[in-house]
Amino acid sequence: MTDSAAEPTAERFELLIVGGGVAGLTAATFTARAGVATLVVDHGESILRRNAHLENFPGFPAGVNARLFADMLQTQATRNGADYQKGLVDELAGSLETGFVATVGAVDDTDADTATADTASREIHADRVLVASWADVSYLDGLGVEIRDAGSKQYVDDDGLGRTNVEGLYTAGRIAERYHQAVIAAGDGAETAITLIHDSETPFYNDWVVPEGYFTDRGREVPPGCEEIDATEQEARQAASRAAMQEYFAEPHDERQRTHPSLVDDEQGRIDWDDAGS
């Protein structure tokens, strides 16, 4: 990464992730934990939120409310150091050599009944960009990105590990033509993030938290990206985890269920059910 981006300002980051769905937020968790100054810009309408119940994501034996799961992903990314802003990327210009500049317009806070966003557009500067939005890729016009046109949908081509033909520009998730499942989007976001971490020459071995002595008692230094914790810290983290999960699942999620926007008279596809919280 360049020295100018080592300490991010409010609008300058080492990495800009466009899209705050499963792939984008999972990628942000990995890059932020590796010490890459990361910003996620999200327009607020992940398709995940249209699911009535997420049944097939590992670790949730009885499934999980999709909107709650999306909230948990966002909290996980920001808890680990990523920044998050609402906005819609209208244009992306630049290169790895000169830096990328994204022009970002405001969007309404679609999770509330009233709009709260600033209406002014702004610029965000980043050394690298990871595209995980869906499905509009018009903001990539002018960069020379290889795109496969599939009629009503367009996909960004990559090398299988998230690298596009434009150096410094990466892609993950549905826009990279991965299968349309949350678990695959999460895995692809993580894989692309690790590709980017290695490409940026950020010291990194594995994102592991291991018991005290796992490496050092074998005469090894703790590798970059790994952490050893003692029993007291392990108990504290497990207690914090239990408390967080109990809080998340204490009450039904209060966000209105969404469906395809073409089916209801609401631009965000929110269903007007009297018992929306059930």
Protein backbone atom coordinates (compact mmCIF):
# COMPACT_ATOMS: atom_id res chain seq x y z
CA MET A 1 0.00 0.00 0.00
CA THR A 2 1.12 3.59 -0.50
CA ASP A 3 2.35 5.62 2.45
CA SER A 4 -0.27 8.30 1.75
CA ALA A 5 -3.04 5.86 2.67
CA ALA A 6 -1.40 4.27 5.70
CA GLU A 7 -3.56 6.41 7.98
CA PRO A 8 -6.96 6.95 6.38
CA THR A 9 -8.70 10.28 6.47
CA ALA A 10 -12.49 10.48 6.43
CA GLU A 11 -12.49 9.98 2.64
CA ARG A 12 -9.19 8.20 1.93
CA PHE A 13 -8.71 4.49 2.47
CA GLU A 14 -6.47 1.67 1.42
CA LEU A 15 -9.45 -0.31 0.21
CA LEU A 16 -12.91 0.66 -0.98
CA ILE A 17 -15.47 -2.15 -1.11
CA VAL A 18 -18.49 -1.35 -3.26
CA GLY A 19 -21.47 -3.31 -1.95
CA GLY A 20 -22.45 -4.28 1.58
CA GLY A 21 -24.02 -7.66 0.96
CA VAL A 22 -22.67 -11.00 2.11
CA ALA A 23 -19.58 -10.98 -0.13
CA GLY A 24 -18.65 -7.35 0.54
CA LEU A 25 -19.05 -7.48 4.32
CA THR A 26 -17.24 -10.81 4.62
CA ALA A 27 -14.37 -9.41 2.57
CA ALA A 28 -14.30 -6.31 4.78
CA THR A 29 -14.02 -8.42 7.91
CA PHE A 30 -10.95 -10.19 6.55
CA THR A 31 -9.20 -7.10 5.15
CA ALA A 32 -9.87 -5.01 8.25
CA ARG A 33 -8.58 -7.77 10.53
CA ALA A 34 -5.41 -7.89 8.40
CA GLY A 35 -4.85 -4.18 9.06
CA VAL A 36 -5.99 -2.88 5.67
CA ALA A 37 -7.88 0.40 6.15
CA THR A 38 -11.23 -0.58 4.63
CA LEU A 39 -14.41 1.31 3.75
CA VAL A 40 -17.64 -0.38 2.65
CA VAL A 41 -20.03 1.78 0.64
CA ASP A 42 -23.47 0.22 0.44
CA HIS A 43 -26.73 1.34 -1.17
CA GLY A 44 -28.66 -0.63 1.45
CA GLU A 45 -30.56 -3.17 -0.65
CA SER A 46 -28.82 -6.53 -0.35
CA ILE A 47 -30.89 -9.28 -1.99
CA LEU A 48 -30.24 -11.29 1.17
CA ARG A 49 -32.88 -9.17 2.91
CA ARG A 50 -35.57 -10.49 0.56
CA ASN A 51 -35.25 -13.98 2.01
CA ALA A 52 -38.10 -14.95 4.33
CA HIS A 53 -35.76 -17.23 6.33
CA LEU A 54 -32.15 -18.19 5.66
CA GLU A 55 -32.15 -21.98 6.01
CA ASN A 56 -28.85 -23.23 4.59
CA PHE A 57 -26.08 -21.11 6.09
CA PRO A 58 -23.64 -23.20 8.19
CA GLY A 59 -23.84 -22.70 11.93
CA PHE A 60 -27.57 -22.01 12.18
CA PRO A 61 -29.25 -25.41 12.61
CA ALA A 62 -32.79 -23.97 12.59
CA GLY A 63 -32.00 -21.19 10.13
CA VAL A 64 -31.87 -17.46 10.84
CA ASN A 65 -33.82 -14.32 9.97
CA ALA A 66 -32.09 -13.00 6.84
CA ARG A 67 -32.33 -9.35 7.86
CA LEU A 68 -30.92 -10.13 11.29
CA PHE A 69 -28.10 -12.07 9.65
CA ALA A 70 -27.32 -9.09 7.40
CA ASP A 71 -27.18 -6.81 10.45
CA MET A 72 -24.83 -9.25 12.19
CA LEU A 73 -22.50 -9.29 9.17
CA GLN A 74 -22.32 -5.49 9.18
CA THR A 75 -21.60 -5.38 12.90
CA GLN A 76 -18.90 -8.02 12.53
CA ALA A 77 -17.15 -6.02 9.80
CA THR A 78 -17.24 -2.74 11.73
CA ARG A 79 -16.34 -4.40 15.04
CA ASN A 80 -13.18 -5.65 13.36
CA GLY A 81 -12.24 -2.18 12.11
CA ALA A 82 -13.97 -1.62 8.77
CA ASP A 83 -15.79 1.66 8.13
CA TYR A 84 -19.28 1.62 6.66
CA GLN A 85 -21.16 4.34 4.77
CA LYS A 86 -24.47 4.45 2.96
CA GLY A 87 -24.13 5.65 -0.61
CA LEU A 88 -24.34 4.74 -4.27
CA VAL A 89 -21.15 4.71 -6.33
CA ASP A 90 -21.94 6.61 -9.52
CA GLU A 91 -18.49 6.54 -11.09
CA LEU A 92 -15.09 4.97 -10.53
CA ALA A 93 -11.90 6.27 -12.11
CA GLY A 94 -8.15 5.92 -11.68
CA SER A 95 -5.70 3.05 -11.43
CA LEU A 96 -3.48 1.21 -8.98
CA GLU A 97 -0.60 3.48 -9.97
CA THR A 98 -2.43 6.79 -9.44
CA GLY A 99 -5.09 5.66 -6.97
CA PHE A 100 -8.80 5.16 -7.52
CA VAL A 101 -11.44 7.85 -7.04
CA ALA A 102 -15.09 6.94 -6.50
CA THR A 103 -17.86 9.48 -6.90
CA VAL A 104 -20.55 8.57 -4.39
CA GLY A 105 -24.11 9.86 -4.33
CA ALA A 106 -26.36 9.67 -1.28
CA VAL A 107 -29.19 7.21 -0.84
CA ASP A 108 -32.12 7.16 1.53
CA ASP A 109 -31.86 5.15 4.71
CA THR A 110 -34.05 2.35 3.42
CA ASP A 111 -34.30 0.67 6.81
CA ALA A 112 -36.18 3.62 8.25
CA ASP A 113 -39.52 5.21 7.45
CA THR A 114 -37.87 8.57 6.75
CA ALA A 115 -34.85 9.53 4.66
CA THR A 116 -31.83 10.51 6.74
CA ALA A 117 -28.99 10.61 4.23
CA ASP A 118 -27.11 13.70 3.11
CA THR A 119 -27.99 14.55 -0.48
CA ALA A 120 -24.53 15.81 -1.45
CA SER A 121 -22.22 13.68 -3.58
CA ARG A 122 -18.65 13.10 -2.42
CA GLU A 123 -15.36 11.59 -3.53
CA ILE A 124 -13.63 8.66 -1.90
CA HIS A 125 -9.98 7.90 -2.66
CA ALA A 126 -8.63 4.38 -2.36
CA ASP A 127 -5.51 2.45 -3.30
CA ARG A 128 -7.55 -0.59 -4.30
CA VAL A 129 -11.22 -1.34 -4.97
CA LEU A 130 -13.24 -4.52 -4.47
CA VAL A 131 -16.50 -4.63 -6.41
CA ALA A 132 -19.20 -6.71 -4.70
CA SER A 133 -22.32 -4.84 -5.81
CA TRP A 134 -25.28 -6.22 -7.74
CA ALA A 135 -26.29 -5.84 -10.48
CA ASP A 136 -25.43 -2.43 -11.98
CA VAL A 137 -21.85 -2.17 -13.26
CA SER A 138 -22.25 1.08 -15.21
CA TYR A 139 -19.98 2.90 -12.73
CA LEU A 140 -17.09 0.82 -14.09
CA ASP A 141 -17.42 2.35 -17.57
CA GLY A 142 -14.14 3.85 -18.70
CA LEU A 143 -11.86 1.56 -16.67
CA GLY A 144 -11.61 -1.09 -19.35
CA VAL A 145 -12.94 -3.85 -17.09
CA GLU A 146 -13.79 -7.08 -18.88
CA ILE A 147 -17.53 -7.64 -18.45
CA ARG A 148 -19.70 -10.48 -19.66
CA ASP A 149 -23.05 -9.23 -20.92
CA ALA A 150 -25.82 -11.74 -20.22
CA GLY A 151 -28.73 -9.67 -21.44
CA SER A 152 -30.51 -8.25 -18.42
CA LYS A 153 -27.45 -8.93 -16.23
CA GLN A 154 -23.77 -8.16 -16.49
CA TYR A 155 -20.92 -9.93 -14.74
CA VAL A 156 -17.35 -8.81 -14.04
CA ASP A 157 -14.76 -11.29 -15.28
CA ASP A 158 -11.98 -12.38 -12.94
CA ASP A 159 -9.17 -14.93 -12.66
CA GLY A 160 -11.04 -17.17 -10.24
CA LEU A 161 -9.41 -15.57 -7.19
CA GLY A 162 -11.05 -12.16 -7.50
CA ARG A 163 -8.54 -10.30 -9.68
CA THR A 164 -10.00 -8.46 -12.67
CA ASN A 165 -8.01 -7.49 -15.74
CA VAL A 166 -7.55 -4.02 -14.18
CA GLU A 167 -4.71 -4.11 -11.68
CA GLY A 168 -5.87 -3.10 -8.22
CA LEU A 169 -9.53 -3.81 -9.00
CA TYR A 170 -11.09 -6.95 -7.53
CA THR A 171 -14.52 -8.55 -7.59
CA ALA A 172 -16.48 -11.00 -5.43
CA GLY A 173 -19.90 -12.57 -5.08
CA ARG A 174 -22.82 -12.55 -7.46
CA ILE A 175 -21.35 -9.83 -9.69
CA ALA A 176 -18.43 -12.18 -10.34
CA GLU A 177 -20.98 -14.78 -11.53
CA ARG A 178 -20.70 -16.95 -8.44
CA TYR A 179 -23.63 -19.15 -7.46
CA HIS A 180 -26.55 -17.30 -5.88
CA GLN A 181 -26.18 -18.66 -2.31
CA ALA A 182 -25.20 -16.72 0.81
CA VAL A 183 -22.58 -19.23 1.92
CA ILE A 184 -20.88 -19.12 -1.49
CA ALA A 185 -20.92 -15.32 -1.49
CA ALA A 186 -19.30 -15.35 1.96
CA GLY A 187 -16.60 -17.78 0.90
CA ASP A 188 -15.90 -15.88 -2.30
CA GLY A 189 -15.68 -12.59 -0.41
CA ALA A 190 -13.17 -14.12 2.01
CA GLU A 191 -11.10 -15.64 -0.82
CA THR A 192 -10.97 -12.38 -2.78
CA ALA A 193 -10.03 -10.50 0.40
CA ILE A 194 -7.11 -12.82 1.06
CA THR A 195 -6.00 -12.51 -2.58
CA LEU A 196 -6.03 -8.73 -2.19
CA ILE A 197 -4.17 -8.89 1.14
CA HIS A 198 -1.37 -10.93 -0.44
CA ASP A 199 -1.24 -8.70 -3.54
CA SER A 200 -0.89 -5.60 -1.35
CA GLU A 201 2.12 -7.21 0.35
CA THR A 202 0.43 -6.91 3.72
CA PRO A 203 2.13 -9.44 6.02
CA PHE A 204 -0.35 -12.27 6.40
CA TYR A 205 -0.24 -15.99 7.15
CA ASN A 206 -3.71 -16.96 8.39
CA ASP A 207 -6.56 -15.27 10.22
CA TRP A 208 -6.34 -17.56 13.23
CA VAL A 209 -6.90 -16.98 16.95
CA VAL A 210 -5.17 -19.85 18.73
CA PRO A 211 -4.51 -20.90 22.34
CA GLU A 212 -1.51 -19.43 24.12
CA GLY A 213 1.63 -21.36 23.19
CA TYR A 214 0.28 -22.82 19.95
CA PHE A 215 3.21 -21.30 18.06
CA THR A 216 5.53 -19.91 20.73
CA ASP A 217 5.81 -23.12 22.75
CA ARG A 218 7.13 -24.74 19.58
CA GLY A 219 9.80 -22.07 19.23
CA ARG A 220 7.94 -20.21 16.48
CA GLU A 221 6.98 -16.56 16.28
CA VAL A 222 3.26 -15.87 15.96
CA PRO A 223 2.74 -15.47 12.18
CA PRO A 224 1.18 -12.30 10.73
CA GLY A 225 -2.60 -12.36 10.94
CA CYS A 226 -2.56 -14.89 13.80
CA GLU A 227 -3.06 -14.24 17.50
CA GLU A 228 -2.37 -16.28 20.61
CA ILE A 229 -4.66 -15.70 23.59
CA ASP A 230 -4.47 -17.06 27.14
CA ALA A 231 -7.27 -18.83 28.99
CA THR A 232 -8.52 -15.64 30.64
CA GLU A 233 -8.84 -13.82 27.32
CA GLN A 234 -10.44 -16.87 25.71
CA GLU A 235 -13.09 -17.00 28.44
CA ALA A 236 -13.71 -13.25 28.09
CA ARG A 237 -14.22 -13.50 24.34
CA GLN A 238 -16.51 -16.49 24.65
CA ALA A 239 -18.58 -14.65 27.26
CA ALA A 240 -18.82 -11.61 24.99
CA SER A 241 -19.87 -13.87 22.13
CA ARG A 242 -22.64 -15.49 24.17
CA ALA A 243 -23.90 -12.12 25.35
CA ALA A 244 -23.95 -10.71 21.82
CA MET A 245 -25.84 -13.68 20.41
CA GLN A 246 -28.37 -13.61 23.24
CA GLU A 247 -28.99 -9.93 22.53
CA TYR A 248 -29.36 -10.47 18.80
CA PHE A 249 -31.88 -13.28 19.23
CA ALA A 250 -33.78 -11.91 22.25
CA GLU A 251 -36.55 -10.33 20.15
CA PRO A 252 -37.96 -10.75 16.62
CA HIS A 253 -36.25 -8.57 14.05
CA ASP A 254 -38.29 -5.43 13.44
CA GLU A 255 -37.38 -4.70 9.82
CA ARG A 256 -40.22 -5.22 7.37
CA GLN A 257 -40.00 -8.27 5.16
CA ARG A 258 -38.97 -7.52 1.59
CA THR A 259 -39.82 -9.13 -1.69
CA HIS A 260 -39.07 -8.33 -5.31
CA PRO A 261 -39.80 -4.59 -5.83
CA SER A 262 -41.96 -5.35 -8.87
CA LEU A 263 -44.48 -7.15 -6.66
CA VAL A 264 -45.36 -4.33 -4.25
CA ASP A 265 -45.90 -0.58 -4.33
CA ASP A 266 -42.65 0.17 -2.55
CA GLU A 267 -39.35 0.91 -4.29
CA GLN A 268 -37.45 -1.17 -1.72
CA GLY A 269 -39.85 -4.11 -1.96
CA ARG A 270 -41.08 -3.85 1.63
CA ILE A 271 -44.23 -5.85 2.32
CA ASP A 272 -46.97 -4.01 4.18
CA TRP A 273 -48.01 -6.75 6.57
CA ASP A 274 -49.74 -5.96 9.84
CA ASP A 275 -47.74 -8.76 11.46
CA ALA A 276 -44.44 -7.93 9.73
CA GLY A 277 -42.46 -8.79 12.85
CA SER A 278 -43.79 -12.32 13.06
